[in-house]
Amino acid sequence: MRYLTRGLFWIAVYLGLALFPCLALLSGNMPPGYGYWWDFSLALGYGSASMMAIMFFLTARFKRPALPFGVDVIYYFHKYIALLLFLIVAAHPAILLATEPVVREMLKPAQINRYMAAGVVSFLLLTLIVVSSLWRKQLNIPYDTWRLIHALLAIAAFILALIHIEGAGYYINTPGKRLIWPLIMVCWLLIQLYVRLIRPLRLLSTPYRVKEVIKESDEVYTLVVEPRQHEIPAYKPGQFAWLTMFYSPFSMKEHPFSFSSNPEQKGELRFTIKELGDFTKRIKEAGPGQTVYIDGPYGAFTIDRHPAERGSVFIAGGIGIAPLRSMLRALADRKDQRPHILFFADKSLEKMTFYEELKALPDQLNLQVVFLPQHPPANWPGETGYLNREILTRHLPAHLSELDYFICGPAPLMDMAEKELHAMGVPLQNLHSELFDFV
């Protein structure tokens, strides 16, 4: 209930911030209007500019607003609200072009002025942002390159949008109303100052160093780091952090990874990482003493937020075992007595990260482990293939609706598990999952 109340509060704050400029500009003494569609179009323009400003707040990773939802959920909200924002921005000129001949004249190359040109370029930049984000992988844009381009385009689009509003001057005909957009600009600059300067400086003051890199399999490595003359921040099992290595924290080359260690393991942090991209393929190159910067912890994917009285179920696929390993190790170290179940799916037993450790974990914890190799060894007595409802039914207890479920892995596995479990009677609030494929 505490997280629900906080979540509703921050949703109300978001809506208030998004609507405030539009409501303020359309209140009080207003200039003569040109009709419904003119006023409606301008309302869309003001509202979209306000939403653009808030987008920077959403990705600034402020912990208090993100606490009820988890930063991963905030990033997914940012992704989908951006699509709505783009449609609203597109509707603003479309309505004017369809209903106001004077606007069509103003946009002709020989007639266009600076503030109208600023609006056009802002819209084109937003279009580039949407296209490069939705089709980044198809366009073969590396993540780090995309992230830098995305940030620069967003900054330019927002500044040009403010120039367009200020130049148009419509509905900002009083001193109070003229202060609204400069105030928004100041708040935006403060966010940029925090994200681009203050937070990197803070990370520089709390560096970590590589203790060792453990090879778990041909493609998976565990990066073990320890702090340099400072304490490790308190974190919950299953949470994650942004990691910067080989670069300065000012470089915008940070990547999110789950902790595979747990809070009971003092003095070091562990991140178990699979080679999937340019950065992850360099993890094995890190030698002892390599400097690492860690921004975290973040995330709501943790057993500590959902202490089910009758135990929990963990469902992992591939490298999705990393945060679940953190939770399971924490439960074992805490001498937890509740019954738990782990389903772990991968191509083979050899591919399963922590296989030997997980196989031995029932000796330390009331845990049933169900391994699901797609290609099992000869005479394998256990389950095989893909996780499905039949396998879930065979191993889950009758009181399955009273358990909490923590699911992490490839998107198809997570989608299937969530749909099947809900169809079997598990309430949606008992299903907890996490994805890192933000873009």
Protein backbone atom coordinates (compact mmCIF):
# COMPACT_ATOMS: atom_id res chain seq x y z
CA MET A 1 0.00 0.00 0.00
CA ARG A 2 2.89 2.34 0.76
CA TYR A 3 4.33 1.93 -2.73
CA LEU A 4 0.85 2.26 -4.28
CA THR A 5 0.24 5.56 -2.50
CA ARG A 6 3.63 6.91 -3.53
CA GLY A 7 3.09 5.75 -7.07
CA LEU A 8 -0.26 7.53 -7.32
CA PHE A 9 1.35 10.66 -5.91
CA TRP A 10 4.09 10.73 -8.54
CA ILE A 11 1.59 9.98 -11.31
CA ALA A 12 -0.40 13.00 -10.15
CA VAL A 13 2.81 15.09 -10.12
CA TYR A 14 3.58 14.02 -13.69
CA LEU A 15 0.10 14.91 -14.92
CA GLY A 16 0.19 18.23 -13.06
CA LEU A 17 3.54 19.20 -14.56
CA ALA A 18 2.45 18.15 -18.05
CA LEU A 19 -0.81 20.10 -17.93
CA PHE A 20 0.23 23.15 -15.90
CA PRO A 21 1.79 25.26 -18.71
CA CYS A 22 -1.17 24.62 -21.00
CA LEU A 23 -3.76 25.44 -18.33
CA ALA A 24 -1.84 28.52 -17.19
CA LEU A 25 -1.44 29.89 -20.70
CA LEU A 26 -5.08 29.32 -21.55
CA SER A 27 -6.35 31.00 -18.38
CA GLY A 28 -6.98 34.66 -17.60
CA ASN A 29 -6.94 37.32 -20.29
CA MET A 30 -6.45 35.69 -23.67
CA PRO A 31 -5.88 37.22 -27.10
CA PRO A 32 -8.65 36.93 -29.69
CA GLY A 33 -8.83 33.34 -30.84
CA TYR A 34 -9.13 32.08 -34.39
CA GLY A 35 -11.61 29.37 -33.52
CA TYR A 36 -11.72 25.97 -31.87
CA TRP A 37 -9.18 24.18 -34.04
CA TRP A 38 -6.63 27.00 -33.70
CA ASP A 39 -6.91 27.00 -29.91
CA PHE A 40 -6.90 23.20 -29.74
CA SER A 41 -3.78 22.98 -31.90
CA LEU A 42 -1.91 25.50 -29.77
CA ALA A 43 -2.97 23.66 -26.62
CA LEU A 44 -1.43 20.51 -28.10
CA GLY A 45 1.75 22.42 -28.87
CA TYR A 46 2.11 23.81 -25.35
CA GLY A 47 1.28 20.46 -23.78
CA SER A 48 3.81 18.61 -25.94
CA ALA A 49 6.56 21.12 -25.09
CA SER A 50 5.87 20.55 -21.40
CA MET A 51 5.99 16.78 -21.93
CA MET A 52 9.34 17.17 -23.72
CA ALA A 53 10.76 18.90 -20.66
CA ILE A 54 9.53 16.13 -18.35
CA MET A 55 11.16 13.47 -20.55
CA PHE A 56 14.54 14.64 -19.29
CA PHE A 57 13.32 14.28 -15.71
CA LEU A 58 12.15 10.71 -16.38
CA THR A 59 15.60 9.58 -17.51
CA ALA A 60 17.54 11.47 -14.82
CA ARG A 61 17.20 8.44 -12.50
CA PHE A 62 16.02 10.30 -9.42
CA LYS A 63 15.57 7.54 -6.87
CA ARG A 64 12.62 8.91 -4.91
CA PRO A 65 10.20 9.23 -7.85
CA ALA A 66 11.39 5.89 -9.27
CA LEU A 67 11.04 3.99 -5.99
CA PRO A 68 7.37 2.93 -6.36
CA PHE A 69 7.82 1.71 -9.93
CA GLY A 70 11.46 0.76 -10.49
CA VAL A 71 13.75 2.57 -12.91
CA ASP A 72 13.20 -0.08 -15.58
CA VAL A 73 9.46 0.68 -15.56
CA ILE A 74 10.22 4.42 -15.74
CA TYR A 75 12.37 3.82 -18.83
CA TYR A 76 9.63 1.78 -20.48
CA PHE A 77 7.15 4.54 -19.68
CA HIS A 78 9.59 7.04 -21.20
CA LYS A 79 9.75 4.91 -24.34
CA TYR A 80 6.01 4.62 -24.88
CA ILE A 81 5.03 8.09 -23.71
CA ALA A 82 7.56 9.39 -26.24
CA LEU A 83 5.48 7.80 -29.00
CA LEU A 84 2.37 9.56 -27.69
CA LEU A 85 4.36 12.79 -27.47
CA PHE A 86 5.41 12.44 -31.10
CA LEU A 87 1.80 11.98 -32.20
CA ILE A 88 0.72 15.06 -30.23
CA VAL A 89 3.55 17.12 -31.73
CA ALA A 90 2.61 15.92 -35.22
CA ALA A 91 -1.06 16.80 -34.62
CA HIS A 92 -0.16 20.39 -33.70
CA PRO A 93 0.99 21.51 -37.21
CA ALA A 94 -1.29 19.04 -39.01
CA ILE A 95 -4.41 20.71 -37.58
CA LEU A 96 -3.14 24.19 -38.43
CA LEU A 97 -2.16 23.19 -41.96
CA ALA A 98 -5.58 21.64 -42.52
CA THR A 99 -7.63 24.51 -41.10
CA GLU A 100 -5.59 27.72 -41.43
CA PRO A 101 -4.51 28.92 -44.90
CA VAL A 102 -2.33 31.61 -43.26
CA VAL A 103 -0.15 28.92 -41.70
CA ARG A 104 0.39 27.26 -45.07
CA GLU A 105 1.57 30.61 -46.41
CA MET A 106 3.90 31.16 -43.42
CA LEU A 107 5.61 27.80 -44.05
CA LYS A 108 6.51 28.51 -47.65
CA PRO A 109 10.30 28.79 -48.08
CA ALA A 110 10.07 32.42 -49.18
CA GLN A 111 7.86 33.39 -46.22
CA ILE A 112 9.07 31.28 -43.30
CA ASN A 113 10.60 33.17 -40.38
CA ARG A 114 13.07 32.02 -37.75
CA TYR A 115 10.65 30.89 -35.08
CA MET A 116 8.54 28.89 -37.56
CA ALA A 117 11.73 27.33 -38.93
CA ALA A 118 12.70 26.42 -35.36
CA GLY A 119 9.40 24.59 -34.95
CA VAL A 120 9.84 22.70 -38.22
CA VAL A 121 13.40 21.62 -37.37
CA SER A 122 12.33 20.61 -33.86
CA PHE A 123 9.68 18.32 -35.34
CA LEU A 124 12.18 16.82 -37.80
CA LEU A 125 14.61 16.12 -34.96
CA LEU A 126 11.85 14.41 -32.98
CA THR A 127 11.15 12.28 -36.03
CA LEU A 128 14.80 11.25 -36.17
CA ILE A 129 14.70 10.38 -32.45
CA VAL A 130 11.67 8.12 -32.91
CA VAL A 131 13.01 6.41 -36.03
CA SER A 132 16.49 5.80 -34.59
CA SER A 133 15.02 4.49 -31.33
CA LEU A 134 12.40 2.14 -32.75
CA TRP A 135 14.69 0.74 -35.44
CA ARG A 136 18.10 1.09 -33.77
CA LYS A 137 18.95 -2.60 -34.11
CA GLN A 138 17.70 -2.83 -37.68
CA LEU A 139 19.79 0.24 -38.55
CA ASN A 140 22.83 -1.33 -36.82
CA ILE A 141 23.40 1.70 -34.61
CA PRO A 142 25.64 0.75 -31.65
CA TYR A 143 24.01 1.43 -28.28
CA ASP A 144 26.64 3.92 -27.10
CA THR A 145 26.48 5.83 -30.39
CA TRP A 146 22.69 5.86 -30.32
CA ARG A 147 22.63 7.08 -26.73
CA LEU A 148 24.86 10.06 -27.50
CA ILE A 149 22.93 10.96 -30.65
CA HIS A 150 19.62 10.52 -28.82
CA ALA A 151 20.66 12.92 -26.06
CA LEU A 152 21.97 15.58 -28.47
CA LEU A 153 18.90 15.41 -30.70
CA ALA A 154 16.56 15.62 -27.69
CA ILE A 155 18.35 18.67 -26.30
CA ALA A 156 18.30 20.43 -29.67
CA ALA A 157 14.64 19.57 -30.29
CA PHE A 158 13.60 20.92 -26.89
CA ILE A 159 15.54 24.20 -27.23
CA LEU A 160 14.15 24.76 -30.73
CA ALA A 161 10.63 24.08 -29.43
CA LEU A 162 11.08 26.80 -26.80
CA ILE A 163 12.38 29.21 -29.45
CA HIS A 164 9.31 28.44 -31.54
CA ILE A 165 6.96 29.14 -28.61
CA GLU A 166 8.74 32.33 -27.61
CA GLY A 167 8.81 33.60 -31.18
CA ALA A 168 5.14 32.85 -31.81
CA GLY A 169 4.25 34.73 -28.64
CA TYR A 170 0.62 33.64 -28.79
CA TYR A 171 -1.06 33.21 -25.36
CA ILE A 172 2.02 34.57 -23.54
CA ASN A 173 0.81 38.15 -23.63
CA THR A 174 1.24 38.88 -19.90
CA PRO A 175 4.44 39.06 -17.78
CA GLY A 176 3.32 36.11 -15.65
CA LYS A 177 2.69 33.90 -18.65
CA ARG A 178 5.97 34.90 -20.28
CA LEU A 179 7.80 33.60 -17.19
CA ILE A 180 6.47 30.06 -17.57
CA TRP A 181 8.79 28.90 -20.35
CA PRO A 182 11.95 30.56 -18.97
CA LEU A 183 11.14 28.83 -15.66
CA ILE A 184 10.80 25.49 -17.46
CA MET A 185 14.10 26.19 -19.21
CA VAL A 186 15.84 26.85 -15.86
CA CYS A 187 14.47 23.61 -14.40
CA TRP A 188 15.65 21.75 -17.51
CA LEU A 189 19.12 23.27 -17.18
CA LEU A 190 19.29 22.19 -13.53
CA ILE A 191 18.44 18.62 -14.56
CA GLN A 192 21.18 18.72 -17.19
CA LEU A 193 23.61 20.08 -14.59
CA TYR A 194 22.80 17.19 -12.27
CA VAL A 195 22.96 14.46 -14.93
CA ARG A 196 26.01 15.69 -16.85
CA LEU A 197 28.11 17.19 -14.04
CA ILE A 198 27.04 16.54 -10.45
CA ARG A 199 26.36 12.80 -10.75
CA PRO A 200 29.56 12.05 -12.71
CA LEU A 201 31.56 14.02 -10.14
CA ARG A 202 29.95 12.00 -7.37
CA LEU A 203 30.86 8.77 -9.16
CA LEU A 204 34.45 9.97 -9.56
CA SER A 205 34.64 10.37 -5.79
CA THR A 206 33.45 6.78 -5.13
CA PRO A 207 35.37 4.57 -7.57
CA TYR A 208 35.58 0.78 -7.47
CA ARG A 209 38.33 -1.49 -8.73
CA VAL A 210 38.19 -4.91 -10.31
CA LYS A 211 39.09 -7.68 -7.89
CA GLU A 212 38.80 -10.53 -10.39
CA VAL A 213 36.90 -11.71 -13.44
CA ILE A 214 35.49 -15.23 -13.15
CA LYS A 215 34.74 -17.20 -16.30
CA GLU A 216 31.41 -18.94 -15.80
CA SER A 217 31.08 -20.34 -19.35
CA ASP A 218 32.26 -19.57 -22.88
CA GLU A 219 30.13 -16.42 -23.00
CA VAL A 220 29.44 -15.52 -19.37
CA TYR A 221 31.75 -13.80 -16.90
CA THR A 222 31.30 -12.59 -13.33
CA LEU A 223 32.89 -9.23 -12.67
CA VAL A 224 33.90 -8.91 -9.01
CA VAL A 225 34.59 -5.35 -7.82
CA GLU A 226 35.47 -3.80 -4.47
CA PRO A 227 35.23 -0.18 -3.29
CA ARG A 228 38.22 2.11 -3.00
CA GLN A 229 38.15 3.60 0.50
CA HIS A 230 34.39 3.96 0.76
CA GLU A 231 31.43 1.83 1.82
CA ILE A 232 29.24 -0.09 -0.59
CA PRO A 233 25.76 1.51 -0.69
CA ALA A 234 22.99 -0.58 0.81
CA TYR A 235 21.12 -2.54 -1.85
CA LYS A 236 18.46 -5.22 -2.07
CA PRO A 237 18.96 -8.63 -3.71
CA GLY A 238 17.85 -8.53 -7.33
CA GLN A 239 18.45 -4.83 -7.88
CA PHE A 240 20.80 -3.46 -10.54
CA ALA A 241 23.24 -0.63 -11.19
CA TRP A 242 24.71 1.27 -14.12
CA LEU A 243 28.33 0.31 -14.67
CA THR A 244 31.01 2.38 -16.40
CA MET A 245 34.36 0.78 -17.18
CA PHE A 246 37.21 1.71 -19.54
CA TYR A 247 35.77 5.25 -19.69
CA SER A 248 35.12 8.30 -17.51
CA PRO A 249 31.65 8.69 -15.94
CA PHE A 250 31.34 11.84 -18.09
CA SER A 251 31.48 9.73 -21.24
CA MET A 252 27.84 8.51 -21.26
CA LYS A 253 29.10 4.96 -21.78
CA GLU A 254 27.30 3.25 -18.91
CA HIS A 255 25.35 0.00 -19.01
CA PRO A 256 22.79 -1.56 -16.60
CA PHE A 257 23.56 -4.91 -14.98
CA SER A 258 21.92 -6.82 -12.15
CA PHE A 259 23.81 -7.65 -8.98
CA SER A 260 24.48 -11.38 -8.81
CA SER A 261 25.93 -10.90 -5.32
CA ASN A 262 23.67 -10.15 -2.39
CA PRO A 263 23.61 -7.68 0.52
CA GLU A 264 24.83 -10.31 2.97
CA GLN A 265 28.06 -10.62 0.98
CA LYS A 266 30.10 -7.77 2.42
CA GLY A 267 33.06 -6.00 0.87
CA GLU A 268 32.42 -6.70 -2.81
CA LEU A 269 29.87 -6.54 -5.60
CA ARG A 270 29.34 -9.10 -8.35
CA PHE A 271 27.84 -8.64 -11.81
CA THR A 272 27.36 -11.72 -13.97
CA ILE A 273 27.41 -10.62 -17.61
CA LYS A 274 26.89 -12.40 -20.92
CA GLU A 275 28.71 -11.38 -24.08
CA LEU A 276 25.96 -9.77 -26.15
CA GLY A 277 27.49 -6.53 -27.47
CA ASP A 278 30.64 -4.47 -27.87
CA PHE A 279 30.88 -3.52 -24.21
CA THR A 280 29.98 -6.90 -22.71
CA LYS A 281 32.56 -8.61 -24.92
CA ARG A 282 35.25 -6.49 -23.22
CA ILE A 283 34.40 -7.59 -19.68
CA LYS A 284 36.95 -10.41 -19.82
CA GLU A 285 39.65 -7.85 -20.67
CA ALA A 286 39.32 -6.15 -17.27
CA GLY A 287 42.31 -6.93 -15.09
CA PRO A 288 42.72 -6.58 -11.33
CA GLY A 289 42.85 -2.92 -10.35
CA GLN A 290 40.81 -1.69 -13.35
CA THR A 291 38.74 1.30 -12.29
CA VAL A 292 34.96 0.89 -12.35
CA TYR A 293 32.23 3.44 -11.61
CA ILE A 294 28.88 2.22 -10.30
CA ASP A 295 25.67 4.23 -10.18
CA GLY A 296 23.08 2.44 -8.10
CA PRO A 297 21.33 0.59 -6.70
CA TYR A 298 18.11 0.86 -8.68
CA GLY A 299 15.10 -1.33 -9.35
CA ALA A 300 12.02 -2.80 -7.69
CA PHE A 301 12.73 -6.40 -8.74
CA THR A 302 13.57 -7.82 -5.33
CA ILE A 303 12.20 -10.28 -2.77
CA ASP A 304 12.55 -7.62 -0.08
CA ARG A 305 9.57 -5.73 -1.51
CA HIS A 306 7.39 -8.84 -1.67
CA PRO A 307 7.93 -11.03 1.42
CA ALA A 308 5.38 -13.74 0.58
CA GLU A 309 4.52 -15.74 3.69
CA ARG A 310 4.32 -19.08 1.87
CA GLY A 311 7.43 -18.75 -0.29
CA SER A 312 8.39 -17.64 -3.78
CA VAL A 313 8.85 -19.04 -7.26
CA PHE A 314 11.80 -18.02 -9.42
CA ILE A 315 11.76 -18.44 -13.20
CA ALA A 316 14.98 -17.79 -15.11
CA GLY A 317 16.11 -18.11 -18.69
CA GLY A 318 19.77 -17.81 -19.67
CA ILE A 319 21.58 -14.88 -18.08
CA GLY A 320 18.30 -13.94 -16.35
CA ILE A 321 19.56 -16.15 -13.52
CA ALA A 322 21.86 -13.32 -12.33
CA PRO A 323 19.37 -11.31 -10.22
CA LEU A 324 17.64 -14.51 -9.12
CA ARG A 325 20.94 -15.90 -7.91
CA SER A 326 21.30 -12.73 -5.84
CA MET A 327 17.90 -13.35 -4.25
CA LEU A 328 18.48 -17.06 -3.65
CA ARG A 329 21.90 -16.48 -2.07
CA ALA A 330 20.37 -13.82 0.18
CA LEU A 331 17.63 -16.22 1.28
CA ALA A 332 20.20 -18.91 2.04
CA ASP A 333 22.46 -16.54 3.99
CA ARG A 334 19.46 -15.30 5.97
CA LYS A 335 18.52 -18.88 6.93
CA ASP A 336 15.10 -18.46 5.34
CA GLN A 337 12.79 -21.38 6.21
CA ARG A 338 10.03 -20.88 3.64
CA PRO A 339 9.74 -23.27 0.66
CA HIS A 340 10.87 -21.90 -2.70
CA ILE A 341 10.97 -23.21 -6.28
CA LEU A 342 13.37 -22.33 -9.10
CA PHE A 343 12.72 -23.07 -12.78
CA PHE A 344 15.86 -22.53 -14.86
CA ALA A 345 15.77 -22.91 -18.65
CA ASP A 346 18.71 -22.79 -21.06
CA LYS A 347 20.10 -24.58 -24.09
CA SER A 348 22.10 -27.15 -22.11
CA LEU A 349 23.40 -27.87 -18.63
CA GLU A 350 26.82 -26.61 -19.74
CA LYS A 351 25.26 -23.27 -20.71
CA MET A 352 23.50 -22.89 -17.37
CA THR A 353 25.36 -20.27 -15.34
CA PHE A 354 25.82 -21.32 -11.67
CA TYR A 355 24.57 -24.85 -12.48
CA GLU A 356 26.74 -26.60 -9.89
CA GLU A 357 26.04 -23.95 -7.25
CA LEU A 358 22.29 -24.10 -7.84
CA LYS A 359 22.30 -27.88 -7.78
CA ALA A 360 23.88 -27.76 -4.30
CA LEU A 361 21.76 -24.87 -3.00
CA PRO A 362 18.89 -27.10 -1.69
CA ASP A 363 21.35 -28.26 1.00
CA GLN A 364 21.35 -24.69 2.38
CA LEU A 365 17.82 -23.55 1.53
CA ASN A 366 14.35 -25.08 1.35
CA LEU A 367 14.52 -24.96 -2.44
CA GLN A 368 13.26 -27.18 -5.23
CA VAL A 369 15.27 -26.70 -8.43
CA VAL A 370 13.79 -27.62 -11.82
CA PHE A 371 16.38 -27.49 -14.59
CA LEU A 372 15.07 -27.27 -18.16
CA PRO A 373 17.83 -27.99 -20.70
CA GLN A 374 16.66 -27.86 -24.31
CA HIS A 375 19.40 -30.34 -25.20
CA PRO A 376 19.76 -32.63 -22.17
CA PRO A 377 22.55 -35.16 -21.72
CA ALA A 378 21.88 -38.84 -22.25
CA ASN A 379 19.67 -40.46 -19.61
CA TRP A 380 18.69 -37.05 -18.16
CA PRO A 381 15.92 -37.80 -15.60
CA GLY A 382 14.50 -34.31 -15.29
CA GLU A 383 12.38 -31.92 -17.33
CA THR A 384 13.49 -30.87 -20.81
CA GLY A 385 12.54 -28.38 -23.50
CA TYR A 386 10.73 -25.10 -23.03
CA LEU A 387 8.86 -24.08 -19.93
CA ASN A 388 5.11 -24.52 -20.36
CA ARG A 389 1.91 -24.88 -18.34
CA GLU A 390 2.27 -28.66 -18.00
CA ILE A 391 5.69 -28.29 -16.38
CA LEU A 392 4.46 -25.49 -14.12
CA THR A 393 1.46 -27.56 -13.06
CA ARG A 394 3.63 -30.56 -12.20
CA HIS A 395 5.82 -28.62 -9.79
CA LEU A 396 3.76 -25.76 -8.36
CA PRO A 397 1.80 -26.36 -5.14
CA ALA A 398 -1.98 -26.11 -4.89
CA HIS A 399 -1.69 -22.71 -3.19
CA LEU A 400 0.13 -21.25 -6.21
CA SER A 401 -1.97 -18.06 -6.11
CA GLU A 402 -0.48 -17.20 -2.69
CA LEU A 403 3.12 -17.22 -3.90
CA ASP A 404 5.18 -14.43 -5.42
CA TYR A 405 6.83 -15.04 -8.80
CA PHE A 406 10.10 -13.47 -9.95
CA ILE A 407 10.71 -13.88 -13.67
CA CYS A 408 13.80 -12.83 -15.62
CA GLY A 409 15.07 -13.96 -18.99
CA PRO A 410 14.37 -13.66 -22.72
CA ALA A 411 11.16 -11.82 -23.59
CA PRO A 412 9.37 -14.92 -25.02
CA LEU A 413 9.97 -16.85 -21.80
CA MET A 414 8.77 -13.97 -19.64
CA ASP A 415 5.67 -13.38 -21.75
CA MET A 416 4.76 -17.06 -21.70
CA ALA A 417 5.32 -17.43 -17.95
CA GLU A 418 3.28 -14.36 -17.09
CA LYS A 419 0.35 -15.34 -19.34
CA GLU A 420 0.27 -18.97 -18.23
CA LEU A 421 0.60 -18.20 -14.53
CA HIS A 422 -2.14 -15.60 -14.69
CA ALA A 423 -4.38 -18.05 -16.57
CA MET A 424 -3.68 -20.60 -13.80
CA GLY A 425 -5.02 -18.18 -11.20
CA VAL A 426 -1.99 -16.19 -10.07
CA PRO A 427 -2.95 -12.53 -9.43
CA LEU A 428 -1.11 -10.01 -11.59
CA GLN A 429 0.25 -8.24 -8.49
CA ASN A 430 2.10 -11.46 -7.62
CA LEU A 431 4.02 -11.49 -10.91
CA HIS A 432 7.28 -9.55 -10.91
CA SER A 433 9.58 -9.33 -13.92
CA GLU A 434 12.41 -7.23 -15.23
CA LEU A 435 13.72 -6.46 -18.71
CA PHE A 436 16.79 -4.44 -19.65
CA ASP A 437 16.07 -4.09 -23.37
CA PHE A 438 15.05 -0.45 -22.94
CA VAL A 439 15.72 0.45 -26.57
